N, C-alpha and C. Protein backbone atom coordinates (compact mmCIF):
# COMPACT_ATOMS: atom_id res chain seq x y z
N MET A 1 -6.13 -33.12 -10.94
CA MET A 1 -4.82 -31.64 -11.60
C MET A 1 -5.51 -31.86 -12.95
N SER A 2 -5.71 -30.47 -13.31
CA SER A 2 -6.19 -30.16 -14.88
C SER A 2 -4.79 -30.21 -15.81
N ASN A 3 -5.71 -30.97 -17.02
CA ASN A 3 -4.49 -31.01 -17.97
C ASN A 3 -3.90 -29.82 -18.89
N GLU A 4 -4.71 -28.83 -18.14
CA GLU A 4 -3.72 -27.67 -18.93
C GLU A 4 -2.56 -27.29 -18.20
N THR A 5 -1.71 -26.44 -19.13
CA THR A 5 -0.47 -26.29 -18.30
C THR A 5 -0.66 -25.20 -17.47
N GLN A 6 0.27 -25.32 -16.57
CA GLN A 6 -0.11 -23.79 -15.16
C GLN A 6 0.88 -22.92 -15.84
N GLN A 7 0.56 -21.55 -16.47
CA GLN A 7 1.45 -20.61 -16.75
C GLN A 7 1.72 -19.81 -15.73
N GLN A 8 3.02 -19.88 -15.53
CA GLN A 8 4.13 -18.88 -15.03
C GLN A 8 3.78 -17.64 -15.27
N THR A 9 3.64 -16.95 -14.02
CA THR A 9 3.30 -15.38 -13.51
C THR A 9 4.46 -15.01 -13.64
N ARG A 10 4.95 -13.98 -14.42
CA ARG A 10 6.25 -12.97 -14.68
C ARG A 10 6.36 -12.22 -13.36
N LEU A 11 7.32 -11.96 -13.19
CA LEU A 11 7.60 -10.59 -11.59
C LEU A 11 8.42 -10.05 -12.21
N ILE A 12 8.19 -8.72 -12.53
CA ILE A 12 8.51 -7.78 -13.25
C ILE A 12 8.36 -6.29 -12.77
N PHE A 13 9.68 -5.89 -12.74
CA PHE A 13 10.14 -4.25 -12.00
C PHE A 13 10.47 -3.35 -13.15
N MET A 14 9.57 -2.03 -13.16
CA MET A 14 10.27 -1.18 -13.89
C MET A 14 10.36 -0.05 -13.46
N GLY A 15 11.51 0.36 -13.59
CA GLY A 15 11.91 1.96 -12.63
C GLY A 15 13.00 2.60 -12.31
N SER A 16 13.29 3.26 -11.43
CA SER A 16 14.58 3.69 -10.92
C SER A 16 15.59 2.30 -10.87
N THR A 17 16.75 2.65 -11.63
CA THR A 17 18.44 1.68 -11.10
C THR A 17 18.24 1.41 -10.06
N SER A 18 18.43 2.18 -8.92
CA SER A 18 18.56 2.07 -7.57
C SER A 18 17.58 1.10 -6.98
N ILE A 19 16.39 1.17 -7.35
CA ILE A 19 15.30 0.04 -6.72
C ILE A 19 15.29 -0.78 -7.71
N ALA A 20 15.62 -0.81 -8.28
CA ALA A 20 15.70 -2.47 -9.48
C ALA A 20 16.34 -3.31 -9.28
N ASN A 21 17.49 -2.85 -8.37
CA ASN A 21 18.58 -3.90 -7.55
C ASN A 21 18.34 -4.58 -6.70
N GLY A 22 17.62 -4.23 -6.26
CA GLY A 22 16.81 -4.82 -5.12
C GLY A 22 15.35 -5.87 -5.28
N PHE A 23 15.13 -5.37 -6.13
CA PHE A 23 14.02 -6.13 -7.23
C PHE A 23 14.85 -7.58 -8.02
N ARG A 24 15.75 -7.15 -8.44
CA ARG A 24 16.57 -8.24 -8.88
C ARG A 24 17.01 -9.13 -8.40
N LEU A 25 17.62 -8.55 -6.59
CA LEU A 25 17.92 -9.90 -5.97
C LEU A 25 17.22 -10.72 -5.45
N ILE A 26 15.27 -10.02 -5.26
CA ILE A 26 14.48 -10.94 -4.65
C ILE A 26 13.95 -11.76 -6.09
N GLY A 27 14.39 -11.55 -7.23
CA GLY A 27 14.14 -12.64 -8.92
C GLY A 27 13.31 -11.97 -9.97
N PHE A 28 13.12 -10.88 -9.63
CA PHE A 28 12.30 -10.21 -10.78
C PHE A 28 12.91 -10.02 -11.77
N GLU A 29 12.43 -9.83 -13.00
CA GLU A 29 13.01 -9.35 -13.93
C GLU A 29 12.64 -7.73 -13.68
N THR A 30 14.15 -7.08 -14.18
CA THR A 30 13.80 -5.56 -14.04
C THR A 30 14.35 -4.75 -15.61
N ARG A 31 13.98 -3.97 -15.37
CA ARG A 31 13.56 -2.68 -16.83
C ARG A 31 14.22 -1.87 -16.16
N PRO A 32 15.01 -1.36 -15.74
CA PRO A 32 15.64 -0.15 -14.89
C PRO A 32 15.61 0.84 -16.21
N ASP A 33 15.22 2.04 -15.73
CA ASP A 33 15.09 3.34 -16.03
C ASP A 33 14.65 3.56 -17.79
N PRO A 34 13.45 2.68 -17.95
CA PRO A 34 12.86 2.39 -19.13
C PRO A 34 12.33 3.82 -20.02
N SER A 35 12.50 3.54 -21.02
CA SER A 35 11.56 5.15 -21.65
C SER A 35 10.44 4.32 -22.35
N LEU A 36 9.13 5.48 -22.61
CA LEU A 36 8.11 5.01 -23.08
C LEU A 36 7.70 4.05 -23.75
N GLN A 37 8.73 4.18 -24.80
CA GLN A 37 8.51 3.27 -25.68
C GLN A 37 9.11 1.73 -25.18
N GLU A 38 9.62 1.56 -24.59
CA GLU A 38 10.17 0.39 -23.79
C GLU A 38 9.10 -0.24 -22.86
N VAL A 39 8.63 0.44 -21.84
CA VAL A 39 7.37 0.82 -21.21
C VAL A 39 6.12 -0.55 -21.85
N ASP A 40 5.54 0.44 -22.78
CA ASP A 40 4.48 0.19 -24.30
C ASP A 40 5.09 -1.03 -24.82
N GLN A 41 6.62 -1.31 -25.08
CA GLN A 41 6.56 -2.60 -25.98
C GLN A 41 6.59 -3.93 -24.93
N LEU A 42 6.67 -3.35 -23.86
CA LEU A 42 7.00 -4.67 -22.74
C LEU A 42 5.08 -5.22 -22.50
N PHE A 43 4.73 -3.86 -21.85
CA PHE A 43 2.99 -4.15 -21.86
C PHE A 43 2.60 -4.66 -23.39
N SER A 44 2.94 -4.10 -24.25
CA SER A 44 2.04 -4.84 -25.61
C SER A 44 2.62 -6.32 -25.61
N GLU A 45 3.27 -7.05 -25.82
CA GLU A 45 4.02 -7.98 -25.45
C GLU A 45 2.82 -8.95 -24.66
N LEU A 46 3.09 -8.64 -23.45
CA LEU A 46 2.02 -9.78 -22.18
C LEU A 46 0.93 -9.23 -22.64
N LEU A 47 0.59 -8.10 -23.06
CA LEU A 47 -1.33 -8.42 -23.92
C LEU A 47 -1.51 -9.34 -25.02
N SER A 48 -0.45 -9.11 -25.83
CA SER A 48 -0.79 -10.00 -27.24
C SER A 48 -0.42 -11.38 -26.77
N GLU A 49 0.22 -11.78 -25.72
CA GLU A 49 0.67 -13.07 -26.05
C GLU A 49 0.09 -13.72 -24.51
N GLN A 50 -0.66 -13.02 -23.99
CA GLN A 50 -1.81 -13.52 -22.52
C GLN A 50 -1.11 -13.54 -21.73
N GLN A 51 0.13 -13.35 -21.20
CA GLN A 51 0.94 -13.77 -20.44
C GLN A 51 0.22 -13.25 -19.04
N HIS A 52 0.83 -14.00 -18.07
CA HIS A 52 0.14 -13.58 -16.69
C HIS A 52 1.61 -12.96 -16.17
N ALA A 53 1.48 -11.57 -15.13
CA ALA A 53 2.33 -10.81 -14.82
C ALA A 53 2.05 -9.70 -13.68
N PHE A 54 2.87 -9.96 -12.60
CA PHE A 54 2.85 -9.12 -11.55
C PHE A 54 3.56 -8.34 -11.69
N ILE A 55 3.31 -7.13 -11.95
CA ILE A 55 4.38 -5.49 -12.42
C ILE A 55 4.84 -4.82 -11.29
N VAL A 56 5.81 -4.33 -10.95
CA VAL A 56 6.01 -3.48 -10.11
C VAL A 56 6.34 -1.84 -10.92
N ILE A 57 5.80 -0.85 -10.61
CA ILE A 57 6.66 0.21 -11.10
C ILE A 57 6.54 1.25 -10.24
N ASP A 58 7.96 1.83 -10.66
CA ASP A 58 7.95 2.99 -9.88
C ASP A 58 7.56 4.26 -10.03
N HIS A 59 6.81 4.76 -9.20
CA HIS A 59 6.50 6.35 -9.14
C HIS A 59 6.63 6.98 -10.19
N SER A 60 7.40 7.45 -10.76
CA SER A 60 8.01 8.22 -11.76
C SER A 60 7.64 7.66 -13.38
N LEU A 61 7.32 6.65 -13.59
CA LEU A 61 6.90 5.87 -14.69
C LEU A 61 5.33 6.24 -15.14
N GLU A 62 4.50 7.04 -13.93
CA GLU A 62 3.49 7.73 -13.91
C GLU A 62 3.48 8.88 -15.20
N LYS A 63 4.46 9.63 -15.17
CA LYS A 63 4.82 10.66 -15.62
C LYS A 63 5.03 10.67 -17.03
N LEU A 64 5.43 9.41 -17.59
CA LEU A 64 5.41 8.66 -18.70
C LEU A 64 4.08 8.68 -19.60
N ASP A 65 2.88 8.67 -18.85
CA ASP A 65 1.46 8.74 -19.40
C ASP A 65 1.11 7.78 -20.84
N SER A 66 1.70 6.42 -20.32
CA SER A 66 1.42 5.18 -20.87
C SER A 66 0.24 4.93 -21.23
N LYS A 67 -0.40 4.83 -22.32
CA LYS A 67 -1.62 4.39 -22.74
C LYS A 67 -2.26 2.92 -22.11
N LEU A 68 -1.08 2.22 -22.30
CA LEU A 68 -1.36 0.89 -21.71
C LEU A 68 -1.48 0.66 -20.70
N ILE A 69 -0.62 1.43 -19.32
CA ILE A 69 -0.71 1.63 -18.34
C ILE A 69 -2.02 1.23 -17.75
N ARG A 70 -2.97 2.46 -18.23
CA ARG A 70 -3.65 2.50 -17.80
C ARG A 70 -4.92 1.76 -18.61
N GLN A 71 -4.30 1.16 -19.96
CA GLN A 71 -5.59 0.05 -20.23
C GLN A 71 -5.11 -0.74 -19.14
N ILE A 72 -4.39 -1.37 -18.98
CA ILE A 72 -3.97 -2.76 -17.87
C ILE A 72 -4.46 -2.25 -16.64
N ARG A 73 -4.63 -0.97 -16.04
CA ARG A 73 -5.11 -0.77 -15.11
C ARG A 73 -6.51 -0.97 -14.69
N ASN A 74 -7.22 -0.89 -16.27
CA ASN A 74 -8.69 -1.04 -16.21
C ASN A 74 -9.22 -2.08 -16.40
N GLU A 75 -8.44 -3.12 -17.48
CA GLU A 75 -8.60 -4.10 -17.42
C GLU A 75 -8.97 -5.18 -16.10
N GLY A 76 -7.61 -5.09 -15.16
CA GLY A 76 -7.42 -6.19 -14.59
C GLY A 76 -7.62 -7.50 -14.94
N GLY A 77 -7.23 -8.49 -13.91
CA GLY A 77 -6.92 -9.64 -14.56
C GLY A 77 -5.50 -10.73 -14.87
N ARG A 78 -5.11 -10.83 -15.72
CA ARG A 78 -3.90 -11.65 -15.46
C ARG A 78 -2.44 -10.60 -15.12
N ILE A 79 -2.69 -9.18 -15.71
CA ILE A 79 -1.85 -8.75 -15.22
C ILE A 79 -1.77 -8.08 -14.05
N VAL A 80 -0.99 -7.87 -13.10
CA VAL A 80 -1.39 -6.35 -11.71
C VAL A 80 -0.24 -5.98 -11.93
N LEU A 81 -1.07 -4.83 -11.74
CA LEU A 81 0.38 -4.08 -11.62
C LEU A 81 0.18 -3.06 -9.95
N SER A 82 1.30 -2.62 -9.69
CA SER A 82 1.67 -2.15 -8.37
C SER A 82 2.53 -0.89 -8.46
N GLU A 83 2.28 -0.07 -7.56
CA GLU A 83 3.17 1.38 -7.50
C GLU A 83 4.45 1.42 -6.36
N VAL A 84 5.70 1.73 -6.71
CA VAL A 84 6.03 1.74 -5.15
C VAL A 84 6.74 3.23 -5.55
N PRO A 85 6.56 4.37 -4.47
CA PRO A 85 7.21 5.59 -4.48
C PRO A 85 8.86 5.50 -4.82
N SER A 86 9.60 6.76 -5.15
CA SER A 86 10.68 6.73 -5.90
C SER A 86 11.47 7.10 -4.64
N LEU A 87 12.81 6.26 -4.86
CA LEU A 87 13.96 6.36 -2.92
C LEU A 87 14.56 7.75 -2.97
N ASP A 88 14.27 8.32 -4.36
CA ASP A 88 14.69 9.78 -4.12
C ASP A 88 14.12 10.98 -3.48
N ASP A 89 12.40 10.61 -3.52
CA ASP A 89 11.40 11.63 -3.01
C ASP A 89 10.57 11.11 -2.50
N PRO A 90 10.70 10.00 -1.36
CA PRO A 90 9.35 8.92 -0.79
C PRO A 90 8.47 9.67 -0.41
N ASN A 91 8.45 11.16 0.23
CA ASN A 91 7.55 11.13 1.12
C ASN A 91 6.40 12.47 -0.22
N CYS A 92 6.77 12.32 -1.06
CA CYS A 92 5.82 12.95 -2.66
C CYS A 92 5.42 12.12 -3.11
N TYR A 93 5.07 10.98 -2.63
CA TYR A 93 4.04 10.11 -3.11
C TYR A 93 2.76 10.46 -2.63
N GLN A 94 2.47 10.06 -3.85
CA GLN A 94 0.67 9.96 -4.19
C GLN A 94 0.05 8.92 -5.28
N CYS A 95 -0.45 8.08 -4.29
CA CYS A 95 -1.27 7.20 -4.86
C CYS A 95 -2.26 7.87 -5.66
N SER A 96 -2.95 6.96 -6.97
CA SER A 96 -3.94 7.66 -7.82
C SER A 96 -5.54 7.92 -7.09
N ILE A 97 -5.62 6.82 -6.09
CA ILE A 97 -6.82 6.61 -5.43
C ILE A 97 -6.96 7.50 -4.35
N ASP A 98 -5.54 7.98 -3.60
CA ASP A 98 -5.54 9.10 -2.73
C ASP A 98 -6.94 9.48 -2.44
N PRO A 99 -7.16 10.41 -3.56
CA PRO A 99 -8.68 11.18 -3.81
C PRO A 99 -9.74 10.50 -3.06
N GLN A 100 -9.74 9.16 -3.78
CA GLN A 100 -11.25 8.55 -3.72
C GLN A 100 -11.03 8.13 -1.85
N LEU A 101 -9.78 7.68 -1.93
CA LEU A 101 -9.81 7.39 -0.28
C LEU A 101 -10.28 8.66 0.47
N SER A 102 -10.01 9.65 0.55
CA SER A 102 -9.80 11.03 1.38
C SER A 102 -11.06 11.40 1.31
N MET A 103 -12.27 10.56 -0.12
CA MET A 103 -13.57 11.37 0.28
C MET A 103 -13.98 9.99 1.21
N LEU A 104 -13.42 8.48 1.06
CA LEU A 104 -14.29 7.62 1.57
C LEU A 104 -14.80 7.48 3.34
N ILE A 105 -12.76 8.18 4.09
CA ILE A 105 -12.95 8.15 4.94
C ILE A 105 -13.29 10.08 5.76
N GLY A 106 -13.55 10.59 4.91
CA GLY A 106 -13.86 12.16 5.43
C GLY A 106 -12.76 12.64 5.90
N GLU A 107 -11.89 12.84 5.28
CA GLU A 107 -10.71 13.68 5.68
C GLU A 107 -10.45 15.16 4.26
N ASP A 108 -10.71 15.94 5.13
CA ASP A 108 -10.19 17.10 4.42
C ASP A 108 -9.16 17.12 3.27
N SER A 109 -8.80 17.69 2.15
CA SER A 109 -7.91 17.44 1.19
C SER A 109 -6.60 17.67 1.75
N GLU A 110 -6.99 18.67 2.35
CA GLU A 110 -4.81 18.85 2.89
C GLU A 110 -4.67 17.20 3.93
N GLU A 111 -5.56 16.84 4.93
CA GLU A 111 -5.30 15.79 5.32
C GLU A 111 -5.08 14.40 4.59
N GLY A 112 -5.91 14.49 3.87
CA GLY A 112 -5.92 13.40 2.87
C GLY A 112 -4.84 13.36 1.98
N ALA A 113 -3.90 14.21 1.71
CA ALA A 113 -2.95 14.05 0.80
C ALA A 113 -1.61 13.43 1.50
N GLN A 114 -2.14 13.43 3.12
CA GLN A 114 -1.02 12.58 3.73
C GLN A 114 -0.98 10.96 3.89
N LEU A 115 -2.01 10.56 3.47
CA LEU A 115 -2.30 9.28 3.47
C LEU A 115 -1.66 8.24 3.32
């Protein structure tokens, strides 16, 4: 066994209160309805302290346009970021990689929007 101390991976959910309750029940830290400042503060902390984290965000947080969310997605590694659709409108969910997937599987843009 390594002499290094194993670093605990933080499980964090950020987004709608209605979804946060479920994530809290399964052991996630939750940040219900966070502001852009709260999102950036958490991500800055994780980056500066080099913490490991699995973060699930509500799709609505994409609208906040956080530069740190983009940075974490581009870096990969210690922080894994995943996204879930809103409970209020789950049919409007479109992942940021949907256009690339549509191109790969050869679907036209209208069909690809329904992946």
